[in-house]
Amino acid sequence: MMQWLNQMAADGWELAFVSGGVESSGDKDTNGIYLSRYIFKKPL
């Protein structure tokens, strides 16, 4: 993951925001889905 983020920065992209989240179907769900959303911006 770090290599990908470093490559994005080297290509001129700026990391603007990171959002995390979890999805599960209830208290007894041990197989939730964990995600991270990376929002980048690049000057024109």
PDB file of N, CA and C in Angstrom:
ATOM      1  N   MET A   1       0.819  -1.191   0.000  1.00  0.00           N
ATOM      2  CA  MET A   1       0.000   0.000   0.000  1.00  0.00           C
ATOM      3  C   MET A   1       0.862   1.254   0.000  1.00  0.00           C
ATOM      4  N   MET A   2       1.904   1.268   0.796  1.00  0.00           N
ATOM      5  CA  MET A   2       2.751   2.464   0.854  1.00  0.00           C
ATOM      6  C   MET A   2       3.402   2.750  -0.488  1.00  0.00           C
ATOM      7  N   GLN A   3       3.795   1.712  -1.210  1.00  0.00           N
ATOM      8  CA  GLN A   3       4.418   1.909  -2.515  1.00  0.00           C
ATOM      9  C   GLN A   3       3.437   2.598  -3.466  1.00  0.00           C
ATOM     10  N   TRP A   4       2.173   2.187  -3.428  1.00  0.00           N
ATOM     11  CA  TRP A   4       1.154   2.792  -4.266  1.00  0.00           C
ATOM     12  C   TRP A   4       0.944   4.265  -3.895  1.00  0.00           C
ATOM     13  N   LEU A   5       0.859   4.569  -2.591  1.00  0.00           N
ATOM     14  CA  LEU A   5       0.687   5.962  -2.147  1.00  0.00           C
ATOM     15  C   LEU A   5       1.890   6.813  -2.538  1.00  0.00           C
ATOM     16  N   ASN A   6       3.084   6.276  -2.399  1.00  0.00           N
ATOM     17  CA  ASN A   6       4.289   7.009  -2.798  1.00  0.00           C
ATOM     18  C   ASN A   6       4.316   7.267  -4.303  1.00  0.00           C
ATOM     19  N   GLN A   7       3.844   6.298  -5.094  1.00  0.00           N
ATOM     20  CA  GLN A   7       3.820   6.480  -6.541  1.00  0.00           C
ATOM     21  C   GLN A   7       2.808   7.555  -6.937  1.00  0.00           C
ATOM     22  N   MET A   8       1.663   7.566  -6.271  1.00  0.00           N
ATOM     23  CA  MET A   8       0.659   8.608  -6.543  1.00  0.00           C
ATOM     24  C   MET A   8       1.249   9.989  -6.243  1.00  0.00           C
ATOM     25  N   ALA A   9       1.964  10.134  -5.134  1.00  0.00           N
ATOM     26  CA  ALA A   9       2.593  11.409  -4.781  1.00  0.00           C
ATOM     27  C   ALA A   9       3.658  11.787  -5.807  1.00  0.00           C
ATOM     28  N   ALA A  10       4.435  10.824  -6.259  1.00  0.00           N
ATOM     29  CA  ALA A  10       5.473  11.090  -7.259  1.00  0.00           C
ATOM     30  C   ALA A  10       4.866  11.529  -8.590  1.00  0.00           C
ATOM     31  N   ASP A  11       3.630  11.083  -8.873  1.00  0.00           N
ATOM     32  CA  ASP A  11       2.945  11.456 -10.108  1.00  0.00           C
ATOM     33  C   ASP A  11       2.212  12.795  -9.991  1.00  0.00           C
ATOM     34  N   GLY A  12       2.346  13.470  -8.843  1.00  0.00           N
ATOM     35  CA  GLY A  12       1.759  14.795  -8.687  1.00  0.00           C
ATOM     36  C   GLY A  12       0.427  14.841  -7.958  1.00  0.00           C
ATOM     37  N   TRP A  13      -0.059  13.703  -7.481  1.00  0.00           N
ATOM     38  CA  TRP A  13      -1.322  13.669  -6.752  1.00  0.00           C
ATOM     39  C   TRP A  13      -1.092  13.990  -5.282  1.00  0.00           C
ATOM     40  N   GLU A  14      -2.044  14.666  -4.667  1.00  0.00           N
ATOM     41  CA  GLU A  14      -1.975  15.001  -3.245  1.00  0.00           C
ATOM     42  C   GLU A  14      -3.106  14.271  -2.521  1.00  0.00           C
ATOM     43  N   LEU A  15      -2.759  13.574  -1.445  1.00  0.00           N
ATOM     44  CA  LEU A  15      -3.772  12.886  -0.646  1.00  0.00           C
ATOM     45  C   LEU A  15      -4.569  13.937   0.116  1.00  0.00           C
ATOM     46  N   ALA A  16      -5.862  14.047  -0.181  1.00  0.00           N
ATOM     47  CA  ALA A  16      -6.701  15.089   0.402  1.00  0.00           C
ATOM     48  C   ALA A  16      -7.490  14.589   1.610  1.00  0.00           C
ATOM     49  N   PHE A  17      -7.914  13.320   1.593  1.00  0.00           N
ATOM     50  CA  PHE A  17      -8.806  12.831   2.641  1.00  0.00           C
ATOM     51  C   PHE A  17      -8.769  11.311   2.671  1.00  0.00           C
ATOM     52  N   VAL A  18      -8.871  10.737   3.863  1.00  0.00           N
ATOM     53  CA  VAL A  18      -8.967   9.286   4.024  1.00  0.00           C
ATOM     54  C   VAL A  18     -10.194   8.996   4.878  1.00  0.00           C
ATOM     55  N   SER A  19     -11.013   8.063   4.420  1.00  0.00           N
ATOM     56  CA  SER A  19     -12.217   7.691   5.146  1.00  0.00           C
ATOM     57  C   SER A  19     -12.226   6.182   5.345  1.00  0.00           C
ATOM     58  N   GLY A  20     -12.531   5.739   6.538  1.00  0.00           N
ATOM     59  CA  GLY A  20     -12.603   4.315   6.823  1.00  0.00           C
ATOM     60  C   GLY A  20     -14.031   3.908   7.124  1.00  0.00           C
ATOM     61  N   GLY A  21     -14.318   2.640   6.946  1.00  0.00           N
ATOM     62  CA  GLY A  21     -15.660   2.150   7.224  1.00  0.00           C
ATOM     63  C   GLY A  21     -15.672   0.659   7.485  1.00  0.00           C
ATOM     64  N   VAL A  22     -16.774   0.196   8.111  1.00  0.00           N
ATOM     65  CA  VAL A  22     -16.960  -1.226   8.409  1.00  0.00           C
ATOM     66  C   VAL A  22     -18.405  -1.580   8.073  1.00  0.00           C
ATOM     67  N   GLU A  23     -18.589  -2.714   7.439  1.00  0.00           N
ATOM     68  CA  GLU A  23     -19.925  -3.229   7.166  1.00  0.00           C
ATOM     69  C   GLU A  23     -20.066  -4.561   7.877  1.00  0.00           C
ATOM     70  N   SER A  24     -21.166  -4.736   8.574  1.00  0.00           N
ATOM     71  CA  SER A  24     -21.452  -6.027   9.176  1.00  0.00           C
ATOM     72  C   SER A  24     -22.970  -6.173   9.260  1.00  0.00           C
ATOM     73  N   SER A  25     -23.442  -7.400   9.363  1.00  0.00           N
ATOM     74  CA  SER A  25     -24.889  -7.625   9.380  1.00  0.00           C
ATOM     75  C   SER A  25     -25.441  -7.830  10.780  1.00  0.00           C
ATOM     76  N   GLY A  26     -24.673  -7.503  11.795  1.00  0.00           N
ATOM     77  CA  GLY A  26     -25.182  -7.619  13.156  1.00  0.00           C
ATOM     78  C   GLY A  26     -24.104  -8.002  14.156  1.00  0.00           C
ATOM     79  N   ASP A  27     -24.523  -8.155  15.401  1.00  0.00           N
ATOM     80  CA  ASP A  27     -23.592  -8.448  16.493  1.00  0.00           C
ATOM     81  C   ASP A  27     -22.878  -9.785  16.327  1.00  0.00           C
ATOM     82  N   LYS A  28     -23.508 -10.742  15.683  1.00  0.00           N
ATOM     83  CA  LYS A  28     -22.921 -12.082  15.564  1.00  0.00           C
ATOM     84  C   LYS A  28     -22.178 -12.290  14.254  1.00  0.00           C
ATOM     85  N   ASP A  29     -22.023 -11.219  13.469  1.00  0.00           N
ATOM     86  CA  ASP A  29     -21.307 -11.307  12.192  1.00  0.00           C
ATOM     87  C   ASP A  29     -19.814 -11.130  12.449  1.00  0.00           C
ATOM     88  N   THR A  30     -19.059 -12.189  12.287  1.00  0.00           N
ATOM     89  CA  THR A  30     -17.600 -12.115  12.505  1.00  0.00           C
ATOM     90  C   THR A  30     -16.838 -11.909  11.201  1.00  0.00           C
ATOM     91  N   ASN A  31     -17.554 -11.770  10.097  1.00  0.00           N
ATOM     92  CA  ASN A  31     -16.921 -11.624   8.786  1.00  0.00           C
ATOM     93  C   ASN A  31     -17.275 -10.275   8.155  1.00  0.00           C
ATOM     94  N   GLY A  32     -17.086  -9.200   8.889  1.00  0.00           N
ATOM     95  CA  GLY A  32     -17.391  -7.876   8.366  1.00  0.00           C
ATOM     96  C   GLY A  32     -16.433  -7.474   7.253  1.00  0.00           C
ATOM     97  N   ILE A  33     -16.806  -6.458   6.518  1.00  0.00           N
ATOM     98  CA  ILE A  33     -15.978  -5.922   5.439  1.00  0.00           C
ATOM     99  C   ILE A  33     -15.395  -4.602   5.913  1.00  0.00           C
ATOM    100  N   TYR A  34     -14.086  -4.477   5.875  1.00  0.00           N
ATOM    101  CA  TYR A  34     -13.384  -3.273   6.298  1.00  0.00           C
ATOM    102  C   TYR A  34     -12.835  -2.576   5.057  1.00  0.00           C
ATOM    103  N   LEU A  35     -13.008  -1.263   4.978  1.00  0.00           N
ATOM    104  CA  LEU A  35     -12.557  -0.562   3.786  1.00  0.00           C
ATOM    105  C   LEU A  35     -11.944   0.776   4.144  1.00  0.00           C
ATOM    106  N   SER A  36     -11.114   1.252   3.245  1.00  0.00           N
ATOM    107  CA  SER A  36     -10.539   2.589   3.336  1.00  0.00           C
ATOM    108  C   SER A  36     -10.738   3.258   1.985  1.00  0.00           C
ATOM    109  N   ARG A  37     -11.163   4.502   2.015  1.00  0.00           N
ATOM    110  CA  ARG A  37     -11.359   5.279   0.787  1.00  0.00           C
ATOM    111  C   ARG A  37     -10.340   6.413   0.799  1.00  0.00           C
ATOM    112  N   TYR A  38      -9.552   6.487  -0.264  1.00  0.00           N
ATOM    113  CA  TYR A  38      -8.521   7.513  -0.397  1.00  0.00           C
ATOM    114  C   TYR A  38      -8.971   8.508  -1.454  1.00  0.00           C
ATOM    115  N   ILE A  39      -9.047   9.782  -1.094  1.00  0.00           N
ATOM    116  CA  ILE A  39      -9.449  10.832  -2.022  1.00  0.00           C
ATOM    117  C   ILE A  39      -8.198  11.655  -2.349  1.00  0.00           C
ATOM    118  N   PHE A  40      -7.895  11.744  -3.635  1.00  0.00           N
ATOM    119  CA  PHE A  40      -6.716  12.483  -4.097  1.00  0.00           C
ATOM    120  C   PHE A  40      -7.151  13.698  -4.897  1.00  0.00           C
ATOM    121  N   LYS A  41      -6.290  14.688  -4.940  1.00  0.00           N
ATOM    122  CA  LYS A  41      -6.515  15.835  -5.820  1.00  0.00           C
ATOM    123  C   LYS A  41      -5.216  16.155  -6.532  1.00  0.00           C
ATOM    124  N   LYS A  42      -5.363  16.752  -7.716  1.00  0.00           N
ATOM    125  CA  LYS A  42      -4.204  17.065  -8.524  1.00  0.00           C
ATOM    126  C   LYS A  42      -4.433  18.426  -9.174  1.00  0.00           C
ATOM    127  N   PRO A  43      -3.486  19.341  -8.986  1.00  0.00           N
ATOM    128  CA  PRO A  43      -3.657  20.651  -9.628  1.00  0.00           C
ATOM    129  C   PRO A  43      -3.605  20.519 -11.151  1.00  0.00           C
ATOM    130  N   LEU A  44      -4.391  21.345 -11.816  1.00  0.00           N
ATOM    131  CA  LEU A  44      -4.420  21.314 -13.286  1.00  0.00           C
ATOM    132  C   LEU A  44      -3.346  22.192 -13.871  1.00  0.00           C
TER     133      LEU A  44
END
